[in-house]
Amino acid sequence: MCSLELYGSCRGISFFSMIDLLTGKSTCALLADRHTVFVEGIRNLLKTEFEIVFVVNDTRSLLEGAMRLDPAVIVVDLSLSDTGPIELISDVRSIAPGTRLVVLTIHDQCDTARSVLAAGASAVVLKRSVAQDLMEAVDAVSRGENYLSAEIGQ
């Protein structure tokens, strides 16, 4: 896990530019989920293709990390916030407007996905999806595209 103070910003000329040159990983991501085993599994999955800059398990740390690290992508559990998912997405978007959000959820209803995307998320991935689904979502949003798990609404 990286220290917020140690690594600075993910964008522009920074430590991460050096990582990109050395590792070929061009997208830095912040992961946020309350369940340590789950988020460590995601970290291990994504670290082969993306630079994982911080792992958090609460809303305050997520917002601080978004503000200080300015990651290209945040992968966040929809249920992380006690105030509600729409407020969480809105808070992240106001702090780090260029950051793309990949929202993980257990809810497969179209209404949930629609409201999350309307709030500013770039992707919605079901937690029960195969690992490749998450990889494709992070890859898509890092290229400026949106992504929706195929199983949503089925």
C-alpha atoms as a PDB file:
ATOM      1  CA  MET A   1       0.000   0.000   0.000  1.00  0.00           C
ATOM      2  CA  CYS A   2       1.376   3.437  -0.941  1.00  0.00           C
ATOM      3  CA  SER A   3       1.538   6.407   1.370  1.00  0.00           C
ATOM      4  CA  LEU A   4      -0.415   9.450   0.275  1.00  0.00           C
ATOM      5  CA  GLU A   5       2.460  11.791   1.137  1.00  0.00           C
ATOM      6  CA  LEU A   6       5.102   9.678  -0.567  1.00  0.00           C
ATOM      7  CA  TYR A   7       3.692   9.498  -4.054  1.00  0.00           C
ATOM      8  CA  GLY A   8       1.976  12.815  -4.741  1.00  0.00           C
ATOM      9  CA  SER A   9      -0.136  13.128  -7.881  1.00  0.00           C
ATOM     10  CA  CYS A  10      -0.831  10.460 -10.474  1.00  0.00           C
ATOM     11  CA  ARG A  11      -1.075  12.914 -13.335  1.00  0.00           C
ATOM     12  CA  GLY A  12       1.551  15.160 -14.872  1.00  0.00           C
ATOM     13  CA  ILE A  13       5.247  14.912 -14.106  1.00  0.00           C
ATOM     14  CA  SER A  14       5.468  12.778 -11.006  1.00  0.00           C
ATOM     15  CA  PHE A  15       6.730   9.562  -9.522  1.00  0.00           C
ATOM     16  CA  PHE A  16       4.037   7.783 -11.530  1.00  0.00           C
ATOM     17  CA  SER A  17       5.455   9.001 -14.824  1.00  0.00           C
ATOM     18  CA  MET A  18       8.611   7.119 -13.891  1.00  0.00           C
ATOM     19  CA  ILE A  19       6.595   4.002 -13.013  1.00  0.00           C
ATOM     20  CA  ASP A  20       4.810   4.225 -16.364  1.00  0.00           C
ATOM     21  CA  LEU A  21       8.127   4.345 -18.203  1.00  0.00           C
ATOM     22  CA  LEU A  22       9.634   1.485 -16.218  1.00  0.00           C
ATOM     23  CA  THR A  23       6.633  -0.843 -16.056  1.00  0.00           C
ATOM     24  CA  GLY A  24       4.595   0.109 -19.113  1.00  0.00           C
ATOM     25  CA  LYS A  25       1.558   0.610 -16.871  1.00  0.00           C
ATOM     26  CA  SER A  26      -0.107   3.832 -17.928  1.00  0.00           C
ATOM     27  CA  THR A  27      -3.211   3.899 -15.713  1.00  0.00           C
ATOM     28  CA  CYS A  28      -3.040   4.420 -11.979  1.00  0.00           C
ATOM     29  CA  ALA A  29      -5.993   3.285  -9.920  1.00  0.00           C
ATOM     30  CA  LEU A  30      -7.321   3.664  -6.403  1.00  0.00           C
ATOM     31  CA  LEU A  31      -9.350   0.758  -4.946  1.00  0.00           C
ATOM     32  CA  ALA A  32     -12.065   1.222  -2.322  1.00  0.00           C
ATOM     33  CA  ASP A  33     -14.032  -1.536  -0.604  1.00  0.00           C
ATOM     34  CA  ARG A  34     -14.783  -2.382   3.033  1.00  0.00           C
ATOM     35  CA  HIS A  35     -13.926  -6.049   2.594  1.00  0.00           C
ATOM     36  CA  THR A  36     -10.159  -6.516   2.802  1.00  0.00           C
ATOM     37  CA  VAL A  37     -10.026  -9.969   1.225  1.00  0.00           C
ATOM     38  CA  PHE A  38     -12.168  -8.814  -1.695  1.00  0.00           C
ATOM     39  CA  VAL A  39     -10.182  -5.639  -2.359  1.00  0.00           C
ATOM     40  CA  GLU A  40      -6.864  -7.492  -2.110  1.00  0.00           C
ATOM     41  CA  GLY A  41      -8.168  -9.943  -4.718  1.00  0.00           C
ATOM     42  CA  ILE A  42      -9.037  -7.023  -6.996  1.00  0.00           C
ATOM     43  CA  ARG A  43      -5.629  -5.484  -6.361  1.00  0.00           C
ATOM     44  CA  ASN A  44      -3.874  -8.711  -7.291  1.00  0.00           C
ATOM     45  CA  LEU A  45      -6.000  -9.032 -10.413  1.00  0.00           C
ATOM     46  CA  LEU A  46      -5.482  -5.480 -11.644  1.00  0.00           C
ATOM     47  CA  LYS A  47      -1.831  -4.987 -10.690  1.00  0.00           C
ATOM     48  CA  THR A  48      -0.657  -6.930 -13.744  1.00  0.00           C
ATOM     49  CA  GLU A  49      -2.058  -4.243 -16.054  1.00  0.00           C
ATOM     50  CA  PHE A  50      -2.575  -1.139 -13.912  1.00  0.00           C
ATOM     51  CA  GLU A  51      -0.597   0.725 -11.287  1.00  0.00           C
ATOM     52  CA  ILE A  52      -2.510   0.400  -8.000  1.00  0.00           C
ATOM     53  CA  VAL A  53      -1.654   3.532  -6.035  1.00  0.00           C
ATOM     54  CA  PHE A  54      -3.778   3.155  -2.939  1.00  0.00           C
ATOM     55  CA  VAL A  55      -6.247   0.771  -1.307  1.00  0.00           C
ATOM     56  CA  VAL A  56      -8.813   2.204   1.107  1.00  0.00           C
ATOM     57  CA  ASN A  57     -11.728   0.831   3.085  1.00  0.00           C
ATOM     58  CA  ASP A  58     -13.737   3.902   4.075  1.00  0.00           C
ATOM     59  CA  THR A  59     -15.273   6.996   2.509  1.00  0.00           C
ATOM     60  CA  ARG A  60     -12.990   9.530   4.202  1.00  0.00           C
ATOM     61  CA  SER A  61      -9.844   7.776   2.958  1.00  0.00           C
ATOM     62  CA  LEU A  62     -11.339   7.447  -0.517  1.00  0.00           C
ATOM     63  CA  LEU A  63     -12.065  11.165  -0.753  1.00  0.00           C
ATOM     64  CA  GLU A  64      -8.646  12.090   0.648  1.00  0.00           C
ATOM     65  CA  GLY A  65      -6.940   9.729  -1.784  1.00  0.00           C
ATOM     66  CA  ALA A  66      -8.949  11.083  -4.708  1.00  0.00           C
ATOM     67  CA  MET A  67      -8.003  14.635  -3.802  1.00  0.00           C
ATOM     68  CA  ARG A  68      -4.321  14.056  -3.110  1.00  0.00           C
ATOM     69  CA  LEU A  69      -3.465  11.351  -5.649  1.00  0.00           C
ATOM     70  CA  ASP A  70      -5.786  12.342  -8.501  1.00  0.00           C
ATOM     71  CA  PRO A  71      -5.926   8.767  -9.853  1.00  0.00           C
ATOM     72  CA  ALA A  72      -7.015   8.102 -13.413  1.00  0.00           C
ATOM     73  CA  VAL A  73      -9.461   5.420 -12.206  1.00  0.00           C
ATOM     74  CA  ILE A  74     -11.187   4.630  -8.923  1.00  0.00           C
ATOM     75  CA  VAL A  75     -12.727   1.194  -8.433  1.00  0.00           C
ATOM     76  CA  VAL A  76     -15.277   1.571  -5.630  1.00  0.00           C
ATOM     77  CA  ASP A  77     -17.902  -0.584  -3.955  1.00  0.00           C
ATOM     78  CA  LEU A  78     -21.352   0.984  -4.345  1.00  0.00           C
ATOM     79  CA  SER A  79     -22.111   0.325  -0.676  1.00  0.00           C
ATOM     80  CA  LEU A  80     -18.928   1.936   0.703  1.00  0.00           C
ATOM     81  CA  SER A  81     -20.590   5.200   1.714  1.00  0.00           C
ATOM     82  CA  ASP A  82     -22.933   5.565   4.662  1.00  0.00           C
ATOM     83  CA  THR A  83     -24.484   8.650   3.049  1.00  0.00           C
ATOM     84  CA  GLY A  84     -25.434   6.816  -0.133  1.00  0.00           C
ATOM     85  CA  PRO A  85     -23.878   5.892  -3.453  1.00  0.00           C
ATOM     86  CA  ILE A  86     -25.063   8.918  -5.411  1.00  0.00           C
ATOM     87  CA  GLU A  87     -23.597  11.305  -2.840  1.00  0.00           C
ATOM     88  CA  LEU A  88     -20.317   9.375  -2.835  1.00  0.00           C
ATOM     89  CA  ILE A  89     -20.040   9.539  -6.621  1.00  0.00           C
ATOM     90  CA  SER A  90     -20.917  13.240  -6.579  1.00  0.00           C
ATOM     91  CA  ASP A  91     -18.293  13.929  -3.891  1.00  0.00           C
ATOM     92  CA  VAL A  92     -15.575  12.087  -5.847  1.00  0.00           C
ATOM     93  CA  ARG A  93     -16.546  13.861  -9.078  1.00  0.00           C
ATOM     94  CA  SER A  94     -16.309  17.276  -7.398  1.00  0.00           C
ATOM     95  CA  ILE A  95     -12.911  16.495  -5.810  1.00  0.00           C
ATOM     96  CA  ALA A  96     -11.364  14.753  -8.830  1.00  0.00           C
ATOM     97  CA  PRO A  97     -13.408  15.642 -11.929  1.00  0.00           C
ATOM     98  CA  GLY A  98     -11.019  13.929 -14.331  1.00  0.00           C
ATOM     99  CA  THR A  99     -11.066  10.623 -12.454  1.00  0.00           C
ATOM    100  CA  ARG A 100     -13.166   7.840 -13.967  1.00  0.00           C
ATOM    101  CA  LEU A 101     -15.196   5.723 -11.541  1.00  0.00           C
ATOM    102  CA  VAL A 102     -15.779   1.988 -11.886  1.00  0.00           C
ATOM    103  CA  VAL A 103     -18.571   1.061  -9.483  1.00  0.00           C
ATOM    104  CA  LEU A 104     -18.818  -2.479  -8.114  1.00  0.00           C
ATOM    105  CA  THR A 105     -22.247  -3.630  -6.996  1.00  0.00           C
ATOM    106  CA  ILE A 106     -24.325  -6.655  -6.098  1.00  0.00           C
ATOM    107  CA  HIS A 107     -27.415  -4.979  -7.580  1.00  0.00           C
ATOM    108  CA  ASP A 108     -28.223  -6.065 -11.126  1.00  0.00           C
ATOM    109  CA  GLN A 109     -31.261  -3.838 -11.732  1.00  0.00           C
ATOM    110  CA  CYS A 110     -31.198  -1.398 -14.636  1.00  0.00           C
ATOM    111  CA  ASP A 111     -32.474   1.416 -12.407  1.00  0.00           C
ATOM    112  CA  THR A 112     -29.465   1.123 -10.111  1.00  0.00           C
ATOM    113  CA  ALA A 113     -27.025   1.165 -13.029  1.00  0.00           C
ATOM    114  CA  ARG A 114     -28.854   4.053 -14.662  1.00  0.00           C
ATOM    115  CA  SER A 115     -28.752   6.210 -11.511  1.00  0.00           C
ATOM    116  CA  VAL A 116     -25.071   5.422 -10.868  1.00  0.00           C
ATOM    117  CA  LEU A 117     -24.099   6.335 -14.431  1.00  0.00           C
ATOM    118  CA  ALA A 118     -26.242   9.480 -14.330  1.00  0.00           C
ATOM    119  CA  ALA A 119     -24.451  10.519 -11.117  1.00  0.00           C
ATOM    120  CA  GLY A 120     -21.110  10.419 -12.922  1.00  0.00           C
ATOM    121  CA  ALA A 121     -19.755   6.884 -12.789  1.00  0.00           C
ATOM    122  CA  SER A 122     -18.112   5.590 -15.961  1.00  0.00           C
ATOM    123  CA  ALA A 123     -18.724   1.887 -15.419  1.00  0.00           C
ATOM    124  CA  VAL A 124     -20.899  -0.499 -13.430  1.00  0.00           C
ATOM    125  CA  VAL A 125     -19.606  -4.016 -12.782  1.00  0.00           C
ATOM    126  CA  LEU A 126     -21.416  -6.723 -10.861  1.00  0.00           C
ATOM    127  CA  LYS A 127     -19.449  -8.225  -7.993  1.00  0.00           C
ATOM    128  CA  ARG A 128     -20.479 -11.675  -9.167  1.00  0.00           C
ATOM    129  CA  SER A 129     -18.968 -11.063 -12.623  1.00  0.00           C
ATOM    130  CA  VAL A 130     -15.931 -12.907 -13.874  1.00  0.00           C
ATOM    131  CA  ALA A 131     -12.576 -11.229 -13.304  1.00  0.00           C
ATOM    132  CA  GLN A 132     -12.226 -10.398 -16.996  1.00  0.00           C
ATOM    133  CA  ASP A 133     -15.318  -8.175 -16.742  1.00  0.00           C
ATOM    134  CA  LEU A 134     -13.572  -5.923 -14.230  1.00  0.00           C
ATOM    135  CA  MET A 135     -10.368  -5.861 -16.279  1.00  0.00           C
ATOM    136  CA  GLU A 136     -12.348  -4.824 -19.363  1.00  0.00           C
ATOM    137  CA  ALA A 137     -14.191  -2.135 -17.399  1.00  0.00           C
ATOM    138  CA  VAL A 138     -11.009  -0.535 -16.028  1.00  0.00           C
ATOM    139  CA  ASP A 139      -9.383  -0.741 -19.444  1.00  0.00           C
ATOM    140  CA  ALA A 140     -12.432   0.833 -21.125  1.00  0.00           C
ATOM    141  CA  VAL A 141     -12.724   3.738 -18.694  1.00  0.00           C
ATOM    142  CA  SER A 142      -8.982   4.390 -18.853  1.00  0.00           C
ATOM    143  CA  ARG A 143      -9.510   4.933 -22.599  1.00  0.00           C
ATOM    144  CA  GLY A 144     -12.388   7.345 -21.924  1.00  0.00           C
ATOM    145  CA  GLU A 145     -15.165   4.853 -22.662  1.00  0.00           C
ATOM    146  CA  ASN A 146     -18.081   3.750 -20.492  1.00  0.00           C
ATOM    147  CA  TYR A 147     -18.752   0.151 -19.496  1.00  0.00           C
ATOM    148  CA  LEU A 148     -21.700  -1.836 -18.200  1.00  0.00           C
ATOM    149  CA  SER A 149     -21.647  -5.492 -17.126  1.00  0.00           C
ATOM    150  CA  ALA A 150     -23.615  -7.572 -19.615  1.00  0.00           C
ATOM    151  CA  GLU A 151     -25.568  -9.279 -16.815  1.00  0.00           C
ATOM    152  CA  ILE A 152     -27.183  -6.051 -15.597  1.00  0.00           C
ATOM    153  CA  GLY A 153     -30.915  -6.128 -16.241  1.00  0.00           C
ATOM    154  CA  GLN A 154     -31.048  -9.830 -17.062  1.00  0.00           C
END
